[in-house]
Protein backbone atom coordinates (compact mmCIF):
# COMPACT_ATOMS: atom_id res chain seq x y z
CA MET A 1 21.26 -23.34 -20.01
CA THR A 2 19.15 -24.95 -22.72
CA LYS A 3 19.99 -24.52 -26.37
CA GLN A 4 16.52 -23.12 -26.97
CA ARG A 5 17.27 -20.02 -24.90
CA TYR A 6 20.46 -19.35 -26.88
CA LEU A 7 18.87 -19.51 -30.33
CA LYS A 8 18.20 -15.77 -30.54
CA MET A 9 20.78 -14.41 -28.15
CA PHE A 10 22.43 -12.16 -30.74
CA CYS A 11 19.20 -10.40 -31.75
CA CYS A 12 19.12 -6.77 -30.71
CA CYS A 13 16.30 -5.11 -28.84
CA THR A 14 14.86 -2.01 -30.46
CA ALA A 15 12.07 0.39 -29.65
CA ALA A 16 9.97 -0.93 -32.52
CA MET A 17 9.50 -4.69 -32.53
CA VAL A 18 7.95 -7.01 -35.06
CA THR A 19 4.29 -7.68 -34.44
CA LEU A 20 3.45 -11.35 -34.85
CA THR A 21 0.11 -12.83 -35.80
CA SER A 22 -2.57 -11.81 -33.32
CA HIS A 23 -3.45 -14.51 -30.81
CA LEU A 24 -7.10 -13.78 -30.12
CA SER A 25 -9.64 -16.15 -28.64
CA ALA A 26 -13.14 -15.86 -27.29
CA GLU A 27 -12.36 -18.48 -24.67
CA PRO A 28 -11.18 -17.59 -21.15
CA TRP A 29 -7.44 -17.91 -20.66
CA LYS A 30 -5.01 -17.62 -17.75
CA PHE A 31 -1.60 -16.31 -16.84
CA GLY A 32 0.40 -16.65 -13.63
CA ILE A 33 2.28 -14.21 -11.41
CA MET A 34 5.01 -15.04 -8.92
CA GLY A 35 7.01 -13.02 -6.41
CA ASP A 36 10.66 -12.67 -5.44
CA THR A 37 12.78 -15.85 -5.52
CA GLN A 38 15.90 -15.13 -3.44
CA TRP A 39 17.60 -17.83 -1.39
CA LYS A 40 20.41 -17.55 1.11
CA SER A 41 22.70 -20.52 1.86
CA ASN A 42 22.19 -23.72 -0.12
CA THR A 43 22.23 -25.92 2.97
CA ASP A 44 19.70 -28.42 1.62
CA GLY A 45 21.25 -28.72 -1.86
CA GLU A 46 18.04 -27.61 -3.60
CA ASN A 47 18.76 -23.90 -3.98
CA PRO A 48 22.05 -23.19 -5.77
CA ASN A 49 23.48 -19.77 -6.58
CA THR A 50 21.10 -17.91 -4.21
CA VAL A 51 18.01 -18.93 -6.21
CA ALA A 52 14.97 -20.49 -4.47
CA VAL A 53 14.83 -23.37 -6.94
CA GLY A 54 13.03 -25.66 -4.49
CA ILE A 55 10.12 -23.25 -4.17
CA ILE A 56 10.20 -22.32 -7.86
CA LYS A 57 9.74 -25.95 -8.90
CA GLN A 58 6.69 -26.33 -6.67
CA VAL A 59 5.16 -23.12 -8.00
CA ASN A 60 5.97 -24.15 -11.58
CA LYS A 61 4.02 -27.34 -11.02
CA GLU A 62 1.02 -25.28 -9.94
CA PHE A 63 1.22 -23.11 -13.05
CA ILE A 64 1.45 -26.15 -15.32
CA THR A 65 -1.53 -27.78 -13.60
CA GLN A 66 -3.50 -24.54 -13.93
CA ASN A 67 -2.75 -24.48 -17.69
CA VAL A 68 -1.56 -20.88 -17.76
CA LYS A 69 -0.30 -19.36 -21.01
CA PHE A 70 2.62 -17.50 -19.46
CA VAL A 71 4.10 -16.49 -16.09
CA VAL A 72 5.32 -13.07 -14.98
CA GLN A 73 7.86 -12.62 -12.17
CA VAL A 74 8.09 -9.24 -10.44
CA GLY A 75 11.85 -9.12 -9.83
CA ASP A 76 14.50 -10.20 -7.34
CA LEU A 77 15.19 -13.31 -9.37
CA VAL A 78 18.26 -14.05 -7.21
CA ASP A 79 19.64 -12.98 -3.83
CA LYS A 80 23.18 -12.16 -5.00
CA TYR A 81 23.67 -11.42 -8.68
CA SER A 82 26.13 -13.40 -10.78
CA SER A 83 25.87 -14.77 -14.29
CA SER A 84 25.69 -18.23 -12.73
CA ALA A 85 22.78 -17.11 -10.56
CA PHE A 86 20.90 -15.80 -13.62
CA ASP A 87 21.66 -19.07 -15.42
CA THR A 88 20.20 -21.00 -12.50
CA ARG A 89 17.04 -18.88 -12.47
CA ALA A 90 16.61 -19.28 -16.23
CA GLU A 91 17.12 -23.04 -16.00
CA ALA A 92 14.50 -23.23 -13.24
CA ALA A 93 12.01 -21.80 -15.74
CA ASP A 94 12.70 -24.58 -18.26
CA GLU A 95 9.85 -26.64 -16.80
CA LEU A 96 7.49 -23.90 -17.93
CA LEU A 97 9.07 -23.51 -21.36
CA ASN A 98 9.00 -27.25 -21.94
CA ALA A 99 5.28 -27.20 -21.14
CA GLY A 100 4.69 -24.45 -23.71
CA ILE A 101 4.32 -21.74 -21.05
CA GLY A 102 6.09 -18.41 -21.46
CA PHE A 103 8.19 -16.92 -18.68
CA PHE A 104 8.63 -13.15 -18.58
CA PRO A 105 10.80 -11.77 -15.76
CA LEU A 106 11.59 -8.33 -14.43
CA ARG A 107 14.70 -7.21 -12.58
CA GLY A 108 14.64 -6.26 -8.91
CA ASN A 109 17.04 -4.45 -6.60
CA HIS A 110 18.98 -7.69 -6.02
CA GLU A 111 20.04 -7.66 -9.69
CA SER A 112 20.18 -3.91 -10.28
CA SER A 113 23.80 -3.69 -11.48
CA LEU A 114 25.33 -2.92 -14.88
CA ASP A 115 26.49 -6.53 -15.24
CA ALA A 116 22.99 -7.80 -14.51
CA ALA A 117 21.56 -5.37 -17.06
CA ASN A 118 23.86 -6.66 -19.78
CA TYR A 119 23.27 -10.33 -19.00
CA PHE A 120 19.50 -10.06 -18.54
CA SER A 121 18.36 -10.20 -22.17
CA PHE A 122 21.15 -12.68 -22.96
CA VAL A 123 19.80 -15.23 -20.50
CA PHE A 124 16.13 -14.22 -20.97
CA PRO A 125 15.90 -13.57 -24.75
CA GLN A 126 12.12 -13.90 -24.63
CA THR A 127 12.02 -10.34 -23.29
CA TYR A 128 12.69 -9.02 -26.79
CA GLY A 129 10.12 -11.28 -28.41
CA ASN A 130 12.08 -13.60 -30.67
CA VAL A 131 12.10 -16.92 -28.83
CA ASN A 132 9.99 -18.73 -26.23
CA VAL A 133 7.09 -16.29 -26.57
CA PHE A 134 4.37 -18.98 -26.98
CA GLY A 135 1.76 -16.74 -28.58
CA ALA A 136 2.78 -13.41 -27.05
CA THR A 137 3.10 -10.65 -29.67
CA ASN A 138 3.95 -7.00 -30.29
CA PHE A 139 7.02 -6.73 -28.09
CA GLN A 140 8.01 -3.10 -27.49
CA SER A 141 10.60 -1.29 -25.40
CA PRO A 142 11.34 2.39 -24.66
CA SER A 143 14.20 3.90 -26.64
CA SER A 144 15.46 5.48 -23.41
CA VAL A 145 16.12 2.05 -21.87
CA PRO A 146 18.39 -0.01 -24.15
CA GLY A 147 18.27 -3.76 -23.92
CA CYS A 148 14.59 -4.52 -23.30
CA LEU A 149 14.89 -4.11 -19.55
CA SER A 150 11.52 -2.38 -19.62
CA TYR A 151 9.28 -4.01 -22.19
CA SER A 152 5.70 -4.71 -23.12
CA PHE A 153 3.87 -7.40 -25.05
CA ASP A 154 0.36 -8.46 -25.97
CA TYR A 155 -1.41 -11.73 -25.43
CA ASN A 156 -4.94 -12.11 -26.73
CA ASN A 157 -6.89 -9.07 -25.46
CA THR A 158 -4.32 -8.03 -22.85
CA ARG A 159 -1.22 -5.83 -22.77
CA ILE A 160 1.52 -6.56 -20.24
CA VAL A 161 3.84 -3.68 -19.30
CA MET A 162 7.06 -4.52 -17.41
CA LEU A 163 8.91 -1.56 -15.87
CA ASP A 164 12.61 -1.66 -14.95
CA GLN A 165 13.96 1.13 -12.72
CA PHE A 166 17.56 0.03 -12.33
CA THR A 167 21.01 0.60 -13.91
CA ARG A 168 20.90 0.32 -17.70
CA LYS A 169 23.14 -1.42 -20.22
CA ASP A 170 25.01 1.79 -21.04
CA ASN A 171 25.63 2.42 -17.32
CA SER A 172 23.12 5.25 -17.27
CA GLY A 173 20.30 5.31 -14.78
CA LEU A 174 22.48 4.85 -11.73
CA ASN A 175 19.82 6.56 -9.60
CA ALA A 176 16.92 4.11 -9.37
CA ASN A 177 14.77 6.89 -7.92
CA ASN A 178 14.58 8.71 -11.26
CA ASN A 179 14.68 5.90 -13.79
CA LEU A 180 10.99 5.96 -14.63
CA VAL A 181 10.95 9.68 -15.35
CA ASP A 182 12.27 9.38 -18.90
CA GLN A 183 10.01 6.36 -19.52
CA GLN A 184 6.77 8.24 -18.83
CA ASP A 185 6.02 9.09 -22.46
CA TRP A 186 6.57 5.47 -23.48
CA ILE A 187 4.41 4.20 -20.62
CA ASN A 188 1.55 6.50 -21.58
CA ALA A 189 1.84 5.73 -25.30
CA THR A 190 2.01 1.99 -24.65
CA LEU A 191 -1.08 2.03 -22.47
CA SER A 192 -3.08 4.40 -24.66
CA GLY A 193 -2.13 2.71 -27.93
CA ARG A 194 -3.96 -0.54 -27.35
CA ASN A 195 -7.35 -1.45 -28.84
CA ASP A 196 -10.63 -0.56 -27.16
CA GLY A 197 -12.06 -3.28 -24.95
CA THR A 198 -8.67 -4.68 -23.95
CA HIS A 199 -6.95 -5.00 -20.59
CA ALA A 200 -3.58 -3.71 -19.42
CA PHE A 201 -1.55 -4.79 -16.39
CA VAL A 202 1.54 -2.99 -15.13
CA PHE A 203 4.34 -4.83 -13.32
CA THR A 204 7.11 -3.26 -11.26
CA HIS A 205 9.50 -4.55 -8.64
CA LYS A 206 9.27 -1.78 -6.07
CA ASN A 207 5.86 -0.73 -4.83
CA LEU A 208 3.68 2.35 -5.10
CA ILE A 209 3.54 2.41 -1.31
CA GLY A 210 5.41 -0.37 0.47
CA GLN A 211 4.33 -2.00 3.72
CA ASN A 212 7.85 -2.73 5.00
CA HIS A 213 10.23 -1.01 2.59
CA ALA A 214 9.99 2.76 2.41
CA ASP A 215 11.82 2.89 -0.94
CA MET A 216 9.40 2.68 -3.81
CA LEU A 217 9.04 3.04 -7.56
CA PHE A 218 9.95 6.74 -7.60
CA GLY A 219 12.33 7.22 -4.72
CA SER A 220 13.38 6.61 -1.15
CA ASN A 221 9.85 7.03 0.21
CA PRO A 222 6.25 7.51 -1.01
CA ALA A 223 6.61 11.32 -1.00
CA SER A 224 9.44 11.27 -3.54
CA ASN A 225 9.19 12.63 -7.10
CA ILE A 226 5.65 13.95 -6.68
CA ASN A 227 5.28 15.26 -10.24
CA ALA A 228 6.53 12.02 -11.76
CA GLN A 229 4.17 10.04 -9.54
CA ASN A 230 1.22 12.17 -10.64
CA SER A 231 2.11 11.60 -14.29
CA PHE A 232 2.46 7.86 -13.74
CA PHE A 233 -0.85 7.51 -11.91
CA LYS A 234 -2.57 9.59 -14.59
CA ALA A 235 -1.19 7.33 -17.34
CA LEU A 236 -2.55 4.24 -15.61
CA TYR A 237 -5.87 5.70 -14.51
CA SER A 238 -6.76 7.47 -17.75
CA ASN A 239 -5.93 4.37 -19.77
CA GLY A 240 -8.03 1.99 -17.71
CA VAL A 241 -5.30 0.11 -15.84
CA ARG A 242 -6.90 -1.45 -12.78
CA TYR A 243 -3.99 -3.43 -11.29
CA CYS A 244 -0.33 -2.62 -10.71
CA PHE A 245 1.59 -5.65 -9.40
CA GLY A 246 4.87 -5.47 -7.50
CA GLY A 247 7.22 -7.48 -5.31
CA HIS A 248 9.95 -6.28 -2.92
CA ASP A 249 7.92 -6.61 0.32
CA HIS A 250 7.32 -10.40 0.29
CA ILE A 251 3.77 -9.81 1.58
CA HIS A 252 0.41 -10.51 -0.02
CA HIS A 253 -1.12 -7.06 0.17
CA ARG A 254 -3.92 -5.37 -1.76
CA SER A 255 -4.77 -1.70 -1.53
CA ILE A 256 -6.17 1.25 -3.44
CA VAL A 257 -3.48 3.90 -3.83
CA SER A 258 -4.22 7.48 -4.89
CA SER A 259 -1.86 9.82 -6.69
CA PRO A 260 -0.20 12.57 -4.62
CA ASP A 261 -2.60 15.13 -6.13
CA ASN A 262 -5.53 12.80 -5.32
CA SER A 263 -6.82 12.96 -8.90
CA CYS A 264 -6.23 9.31 -9.84
CA TYR A 265 -5.94 5.90 -8.24
CA VAL A 266 -4.94 2.34 -9.04
CA ASN A 267 -5.20 -0.99 -7.23
CA GLN A 268 -1.82 -2.12 -5.91
CA ILE A 269 -1.09 -5.82 -5.44
CA ILE A 270 2.16 -6.63 -3.64
CA CYS A 271 3.02 -10.25 -4.32
CA ALA A 272 3.57 -12.90 -1.67
CA SER A 273 7.03 -14.34 -1.13
CA ASN A 274 8.57 -17.13 -3.20
CA SER A 275 11.76 -16.64 -1.23
CA TYR A 276 13.50 -17.76 1.95
CA LYS A 277 12.46 -14.57 3.74
CA PHE A 278 9.35 -12.66 4.73
CA TYR A 279 8.79 -9.12 5.91
CA THR A 280 6.65 -7.51 8.60
CA PRO A 281 4.70 -4.26 7.98
CA LEU A 282 5.99 -1.14 9.68
CA ILE A 283 4.14 0.69 12.45
CA PRO A 284 3.32 3.45 11.76
CA THR A 285 2.84 2.72 8.08
CA ASN A 286 4.92 4.27 5.33
CA ASP A 287 1.74 5.98 4.18
CA ALA A 288 1.32 7.62 7.60
CA ARG A 289 5.02 8.48 7.91
CA TYR A 290 5.39 10.25 4.58
CA ASN A 291 2.01 11.23 3.11
CA MET A 292 -0.28 13.99 4.30
CA PRO A 293 -3.05 13.35 3.60
CA GLN A 294 -2.63 9.59 3.51
CA ARG A 295 -3.09 7.97 0.11
CA GLU A 296 -3.66 4.26 0.70
CA LEU A 297 -6.87 2.35 1.45
CA PRO A 298 -5.97 -1.22 2.52
CA VAL A 299 -8.19 -4.00 1.16
CA GLU A 300 -6.57 -7.30 2.18
CA GLN A 301 -3.32 -8.70 3.54
CA GLU A 302 -1.66 -12.01 4.42
CA LEU A 303 1.73 -12.30 6.11
CA TYR A 304 4.46 -14.95 6.16
CA THR A 305 3.12 -17.28 3.45
CA VAL A 306 4.41 -18.50 0.09
CA GLY A 307 2.00 -17.65 -2.69
CA TYR A 308 1.23 -17.18 -6.37
CA TYR A 309 -1.53 -15.68 -8.52
CA ILE A 310 -3.70 -16.97 -11.36
CA VAL A 311 -5.26 -14.27 -13.53
CA THR A 312 -8.21 -15.44 -15.64
CA VAL A 313 -9.15 -13.16 -18.52
CA ASP A 314 -12.65 -13.84 -19.85
CA GLY A 315 -13.51 -11.18 -22.42
CA PRO A 316 -14.12 -7.98 -20.43
CA LYS A 317 -13.89 -9.79 -17.08
CA VAL A 318 -10.76 -10.44 -15.03
CA SER A 319 -10.61 -12.66 -11.94
CA VAL A 320 -7.47 -13.08 -9.85
CA ASP A 321 -7.12 -16.12 -7.60
CA PHE A 322 -4.51 -15.90 -4.86
CA TYR A 323 -3.12 -19.25 -3.70
CA SER A 324 -0.80 -19.61 -0.74
CA SER A 325 0.82 -22.13 1.55
CA LEU A 326 2.03 -21.95 5.12
CA ASN A 327 5.79 -21.42 5.15
CA SER A 328 6.42 -24.43 7.51
CA CYS A 329 7.35 -22.15 10.42
CA GLY A 330 3.77 -21.95 11.69
CA SER A 331 0.96 -24.48 11.84
CA SER A 332 -2.19 -22.43 11.21
CA TRP A 333 -3.51 -19.69 8.96
CA GLU A 334 -4.65 -17.75 12.03
CA SER A 335 -1.11 -17.44 13.39
CA THR A 336 1.35 -17.43 10.51
CA VAL A 337 4.96 -17.07 11.64
CA ASP A 338 7.88 -15.00 10.38
CA CYS A 339 11.16 -16.84 9.84
CA ASP A 340 14.11 -17.21 7.50
CA LEU A 341 13.88 -20.55 5.73
CA THR A 342 17.04 -22.66 5.70
CA SER A 343 15.56 -25.64 3.86
CA THR A 344 12.89 -25.90 1.19
CA PRO A 345 9.43 -26.34 2.71
CA ARG A 346 6.99 -28.83 1.24
CA LEU A 347 4.21 -26.52 0.15
CA SER A 348 0.48 -27.20 0.09
CA PHE A 349 -1.32 -24.43 -1.77
CA VAL A 350 -4.95 -23.49 -1.20
CA LYS A 351 -7.03 -20.72 -2.76
CA ARG A 352 -7.20 -17.89 -0.24
CA GLU A 353 -9.18 -15.25 -2.10
CA THR A 354 -10.56 -14.14 -5.45
CA PHE A 355 -10.84 -10.57 -6.61
CA GLY A 356 -11.59 -9.03 -9.98
CA TYR A 357 -13.22 -6.45 -12.19
CA SER A 358 -14.93 -6.07 -15.55
CA LEU A 359 -14.56 -3.44 -18.24
CA ASN A 360 -18.37 -3.30 -18.44
CA GLY A 361 -18.96 -3.06 -14.70
CA LYS A 362 -18.58 -0.61 -11.85
CA LYS A 363 -16.36 -0.23 -8.78
CA PHE A 364 -17.54 0.66 -5.27
CA VAL A 365 -15.39 1.32 -2.19
CA VAL A 366 -17.37 0.69 1.00
CA ASN A 367 -15.95 1.63 4.40
CA PRO A 368 -16.74 -0.36 7.56
CA GLY A 369 -20.18 0.54 8.88
CA GLU A 370 -21.38 1.97 5.58
CA GLU A 371 -24.49 0.74 3.81
CA LEU A 372 -24.00 -1.66 0.92
CA THR A 373 -27.00 -0.11 -0.82
CA ILE A 374 -24.67 2.17 -2.80
CA VAL A 375 -23.86 -0.91 -4.90
CA ALA A 376 -26.05 -0.98 -8.02
CA ASP A 377 -25.49 -1.44 -11.75
CA THR A 378 -27.27 -2.04 -15.06
CA CYS A 379 -26.10 -4.25 -17.91
CA LYS A 380 -25.56 -2.01 -20.94
CA ILE A 381 -24.15 -4.55 -23.38
CA ILE A 382 -25.68 -4.34 -26.86
CA ASN A 383 -28.50 -6.89 -27.31
CA SER A 384 -28.56 -7.61 -23.58
CA GLN A 385 -31.63 -7.89 -21.36
CA LYS A 386 -30.65 -4.56 -19.71
CA THR A 387 -30.86 -6.32 -16.35
CA GLN A 388 -30.76 -4.01 -13.34
CA PHE A 389 -29.00 -5.12 -10.17
CA ALA A 390 -28.98 -3.55 -6.72
CA ILE A 391 -28.16 -4.42 -3.14
CA ILE A 392 -31.36 -3.29 -1.44
CA SER A 393 -30.34 -4.03 2.14
CA GLY A 394 -27.10 -4.73 3.99
CA THR A 395 -24.24 -3.09 5.84
CA ASN A 396 -20.49 -3.57 5.65
CA MET A 397 -20.02 -5.06 9.10
CA THR A 398 -16.52 -6.26 8.24
CA SER A 399 -13.83 -4.52 10.25
CA ASN A 400 -10.70 -6.54 9.60
CA LYS A 401 -7.61 -4.99 11.13
CA LEU A 402 -4.22 -5.37 9.54
CA TYR A 403 -1.01 -5.98 11.47
CA ASP A 404 -0.38 -2.22 11.43
CA GLY A 405 -3.81 -1.49 12.96
CA ARG A 406 -5.54 -0.10 9.89
CA THR A 407 -9.06 -1.27 9.05
CA THR A 408 -9.71 -2.64 5.59
CA VAL A 409 -12.30 -1.37 3.12
CA GLN A 410 -14.34 -3.46 0.72
CA ASP A 411 -13.44 -3.06 -2.94
CA ILE A 412 -16.62 -4.27 -4.65
CA ASN A 413 -16.75 -4.70 -8.42
CA THR A 414 -19.49 -5.72 -10.84
CA GLY A 415 -19.34 -7.28 -14.28
CA TRP A 416 -21.77 -8.50 -16.92
CA GLU A 417 -22.20 -10.93 -19.77
CA THR A 418 -25.24 -11.68 -21.88
CA ARG A 419 -26.99 -15.00 -21.67
CA SER A 420 -25.69 -17.53 -24.18
CA ASP A 421 -27.65 -20.16 -26.08
CA ILE A 422 -26.65 -22.67 -23.41
CA ASP A 423 -27.92 -20.38 -20.67
CA ILE A 424 -31.20 -19.82 -22.51
CA ALA A 425 -31.66 -23.59 -22.73
CA ALA A 426 -31.13 -23.71 -18.96
CA GLY A 427 -33.95 -21.22 -18.49
CA VAL A 428 -31.87 -18.11 -17.84
CA GLU A 429 -34.05 -15.01 -18.12
CA SER A 430 -31.55 -12.24 -17.40
CA ASP A 431 -28.04 -11.07 -18.10
CA LEU A 432 -25.34 -12.70 -15.97
CA LEU A 433 -23.96 -10.62 -13.10
CA THR A 434 -20.57 -11.18 -11.48
CA LEU A 435 -19.96 -9.65 -8.08
CA TRP A 436 -16.45 -9.50 -6.56
CA GLY A 437 -15.16 -8.14 -3.27
CA MET A 438 -17.95 -8.92 -0.81
CA ARG A 439 -16.10 -11.49 1.33
CA ASP A 440 -15.46 -10.86 5.01
CA ALA A 441 -11.85 -12.00 5.27
CA ILE A 442 -9.10 -13.76 3.40
CA GLY A 443 -9.58 -17.52 3.50
CA SER A 444 -13.36 -17.20 3.87
CA LYS A 445 -16.14 -17.38 1.29
CA LYS A 446 -18.61 -15.75 3.66
CA CYS A 447 -19.88 -12.20 3.21
CA ASP A 448 -21.96 -9.89 5.33
CA THR A 449 -25.62 -10.81 4.87
CA TYR A 450 -27.19 -8.65 2.18
CA VAL A 451 -30.20 -8.62 -0.13
CA LEU A 452 -29.50 -8.89 -3.84
CA SER A 453 -32.18 -7.77 -6.30
CA MET A 454 -32.30 -8.26 -10.08
CA SER A 455 -34.89 -7.14 -12.61
CA TYR A 456 -36.61 -9.26 -15.25
CA ASP A 457 -38.51 -8.48 -18.45
CA THR A 458 -42.20 -7.66 -18.00
CA SER A 459 -43.14 -10.16 -20.72
CA ILE A 460 -41.92 -13.09 -18.59
CA SER A 461 -44.40 -14.88 -16.34
CA GLY A 462 -44.20 -17.75 -13.89
CA PRO A 463 -41.88 -18.39 -10.95
CA LEU A 464 -38.35 -17.02 -11.21
CA SER A 465 -35.44 -17.21 -8.78
CA ILE A 466 -31.87 -15.98 -8.58
CA TYR A 467 -29.36 -18.75 -9.22
CA SER A 468 -25.58 -18.90 -8.87
CA LYS A 469 -22.93 -20.94 -10.63
CA ASP A 470 -21.11 -23.40 -8.40
CA SER A 471 -17.42 -24.28 -8.61
CA ILE A 472 -17.97 -26.66 -11.54
CA GLY A 473 -20.25 -24.32 -13.47
CA ASN A 474 -23.66 -25.72 -12.57
CA TRP A 475 -26.54 -23.38 -11.77
CA ARG A 476 -28.20 -23.75 -8.35
CA ARG A 477 -30.48 -21.52 -6.30
CA THR A 478 -28.29 -18.79 -4.91
CA VAL A 479 -29.60 -19.28 -1.35
CA ASN A 480 -28.33 -22.87 -1.49
CA SER A 481 -24.79 -21.48 -1.71
CA ASN A 482 -25.07 -19.54 1.54
CA ASN A 483 -22.40 -20.14 4.16
CA GLY A 484 -24.22 -19.18 7.35
CA SER A 485 -27.43 -21.17 6.95
CA SER A 486 -28.88 -24.04 4.91
CA VAL A 487 -32.44 -22.78 5.48
CA SER A 488 -34.37 -21.45 2.48
CA HIS A 489 -37.88 -20.12 2.03
CA PHE A 490 -39.63 -18.84 -1.12
CA VAL A 491 -41.76 -15.70 -0.94
CA ILE A 492 -44.04 -13.98 -3.44
CA GLY A 493 -43.85 -10.24 -2.83
CA SER A 494 -41.33 -7.63 -1.82
CA TYR A 495 -38.44 -8.10 0.60
CA ARG A 496 -39.15 -7.14 4.23
CA GLU A 497 -36.59 -6.43 6.93
CA GLN A 498 -37.66 -9.37 9.09
CA PHE A 499 -36.72 -11.87 6.38
CA GLY A 500 -33.59 -13.76 7.34
CA LEU A 501 -30.72 -15.38 5.52
CA GLY A 502 -31.97 -17.90 2.95
CA THR A 503 -35.25 -16.12 2.20
CA TYR A 504 -35.76 -15.45 -1.49
CA GLY A 505 -38.60 -14.33 -3.67
CA ILE A 506 -40.19 -12.73 -6.70
CA ASP A 507 -42.03 -9.42 -6.66
CA PRO A 508 -44.41 -9.33 -9.67
CA ALA A 509 -45.35 -5.73 -8.87
CA THR A 510 -41.81 -4.43 -9.52
CA HIS A 511 -40.65 -7.24 -11.84
CA THR A 512 -37.72 -8.03 -9.60
CA VAL A 513 -36.33 -11.17 -8.03
CA TRP A 514 -34.45 -10.96 -4.73
CA ALA A 515 -32.54 -13.16 -2.29
CA VAL A 516 -30.97 -12.82 1.16
CA VAL A 517 -27.44 -14.18 0.75
CA ASP A 518 -23.96 -14.16 2.27
CA HIS A 519 -21.74 -14.90 -0.73
CA ASP A 520 -20.57 -13.26 -3.94
CA GLY A 521 -19.92 -14.80 -7.38
CA ASP A 522 -22.05 -15.21 -10.51
CA PHE A 523 -25.80 -14.57 -10.48
CA ALA A 524 -28.67 -14.87 -12.96
CA ILE A 525 -32.46 -15.13 -12.95
CA ILE A 526 -33.67 -18.60 -13.97
CA GLN A 527 -37.12 -20.09 -14.45
CA SER A 528 -37.90 -22.20 -11.40
CA THR A 529 -40.61 -24.39 -9.92
CA ASP A 530 -40.86 -22.43 -6.68
CA GLY A 531 -44.47 -22.39 -5.51
CA ASP A 532 -45.27 -25.78 -7.09
CA GLN A 533 -47.25 -27.72 -4.47
CA ASP A 534 -47.92 -31.05 -6.22
CA GLY A 535 -44.57 -31.71 -7.88
CA ASP A 536 -45.68 -31.48 -11.52
CA ASN A 537 -43.33 -28.53 -12.25
CA ASP A 538 -46.25 -26.21 -13.05
CA ILE A 539 -48.11 -23.55 -11.10
CA ASP A 540 -51.77 -24.26 -11.92
CA ASN A 541 -55.21 -24.50 -10.33
CA ASP A 542 -54.26 -27.71 -8.56
CA ASP A 543 -51.50 -25.90 -6.67
CA ILE A 544 -53.78 -22.98 -5.87
CA GLN A 545 -56.44 -25.37 -4.52
CA ILE A 546 -53.89 -27.08 -2.29
CA VAL A 547 -52.94 -23.76 -0.72
CA ALA A 548 -56.61 -22.74 -0.43
CA SER A 549 -57.40 -25.98 1.40
CA LEU A 550 -54.88 -25.07 4.09
CA LYS A 551 -56.31 -21.64 4.79
CA ASN A 552 -55.87 -20.51 8.42
CA LYS A 553 -53.46 -23.37 9.13
CA PRO A 554 -50.01 -22.75 10.65
CA ALA A 555 -47.12 -22.67 8.18
CA SER A 556 -45.63 -25.76 9.80
CA VAL A 557 -48.35 -27.84 8.11
CA ARG A 558 -46.91 -27.00 4.69
CA PRO A 559 -44.05 -24.43 4.76
CA SER A 560 -44.05 -24.04 0.96
CA ALA A 561 -47.62 -22.70 1.12
CA ASP A 562 -46.60 -19.81 3.39
CA LEU A 563 -45.76 -17.52 0.49
CA ASP A 564 -45.34 -14.35 2.54
CA ASN A 565 -43.28 -15.99 5.30
CA ASP A 566 -45.51 -14.75 8.14
CA GLY A 567 -45.90 -18.13 9.85
CA LYS A 568 -49.45 -18.90 8.70
CA ILE A 569 -51.35 -19.83 5.55
CA THR A 570 -54.09 -17.37 4.57
CA ILE A 571 -56.19 -16.34 1.60
CA LEU A 572 -53.42 -13.86 0.81
CA ASN A 573 -51.13 -16.78 -0.02
CA VAL A 574 -53.71 -18.07 -2.50
CA ARG A 575 -53.81 -14.70 -4.22
CA LYS A 576 -50.04 -14.47 -4.31
CA LEU A 577 -49.66 -17.88 -5.93
CA SER A 578 -52.14 -16.96 -8.64
CA LEU A 579 -49.81 -14.12 -9.68
CA ILE A 580 -47.14 -16.55 -10.92
CA ARG A 581 -49.28 -19.34 -12.35
CA THR A 582 -47.85 -20.94 -15.49
CA VAL A 583 -51.01 -22.77 -16.57
CA GLN A 584 -54.32 -20.91 -16.75
């Protein structure tokens, strides 16, 4: 163990911790999340003391490359607890500490004992906030749980809440099924006591509703401790917690879980394995076995892969990128294979999906077959353009089935930011919309085809189009980012049902801009040169005359002059072009 970890080992953990200087920044920042790290027999010499050091090192490298500020682990640090095993897990985190990255662990059921409780804060002194915190502040712990086994801290505009449900340092709490009951007041106070406009994430080891394990955060199955569950869900929901992360199941799984009384809900993310083993979901599900009515809406799932998570916090917006690698037992993403690893696989991580939310946006749950037209929002940020957004056509045709036979729903979220000086210089004429949750399936960027509409200020004239930011932050026409077609066609007028993917336009009558797309991401209205016929970047009499000269010709002669996309050039196209002229 490094000397650095021992520097503060004799400090005691109390319910009221010192609050360090606030670490606030207007810039986006990241933190990482990793799953369980058990290992069985050290046959390859890379994984001593039942710790998956070989996998940990590869995941550490990813976190360092991603420039995260800290990493959270959701428990099961080792397979068989011993002080040597905890030492090994702590030493495996030294790569992060040496890179200036915090590491904040949580216990799991594989280290649930009294001995593990007493050694935990000794070997991980950062949990009480006095060493290796790297900018994290305001460490707190419930008085009912001595030793900072449950704890919280702040980083920038975010509060992290880590919940331990296992045997405590004083040998109390022997029943893991009840160990959150006396923490409820602290949980609620910790979540409610943060500043307005900040985020909170809750981390546990066991799940709200597991996919393989029936035992969960409050008992032996999802129907246990109903009153305590209702109180817990209410604390999260009423205090704006969107995501509760857990481990235990070694499956990447996202779902929306409702409280037993159906008054509250939270998004559950079960973290992918960083271990030698993987689990298979039960059939029927734990939700079906124990809950009536059922309480879980599945959103996405991936089995038998090794994965990690990058959470990007950008003011009110949060985006979570899930990266995973095949576990070396299978050769394709379409047919991942369950196995127990006996040697460390060489991992090759790829981004599999992105999901997120914004404090200034809305959430929509869309079932298969339902219309996407329920998705609409308006930017209400002070000094914004008050841009209105709506999906004006489209259906959720996605019907992904999980291993257990359930069909997934789409969890669609919106978010906003105002245009910056840089965006204004780029010709942005609206607020910036972010849209998450439209994608068809994990590993795909493609969405169901839909029509996105955004409003613009009535004082603005000239051609306008919806643009999207690409992966390196450059704006490009949003139809050029489509996955199913490279075809694009500009229209002046309202959207019509016969318009296909890649059609986009401006409707001066309603002061809206629309596009037929099959992707999500960032969107904004930008001044364009659409409709320009002679390449001088203006819409003037010369352009109008060019279109007029082609009257009654087929659109194939000059596709850009067919401004209503009806296959021919008519006097109506001349009139339409005059509506967006930039030079009189």
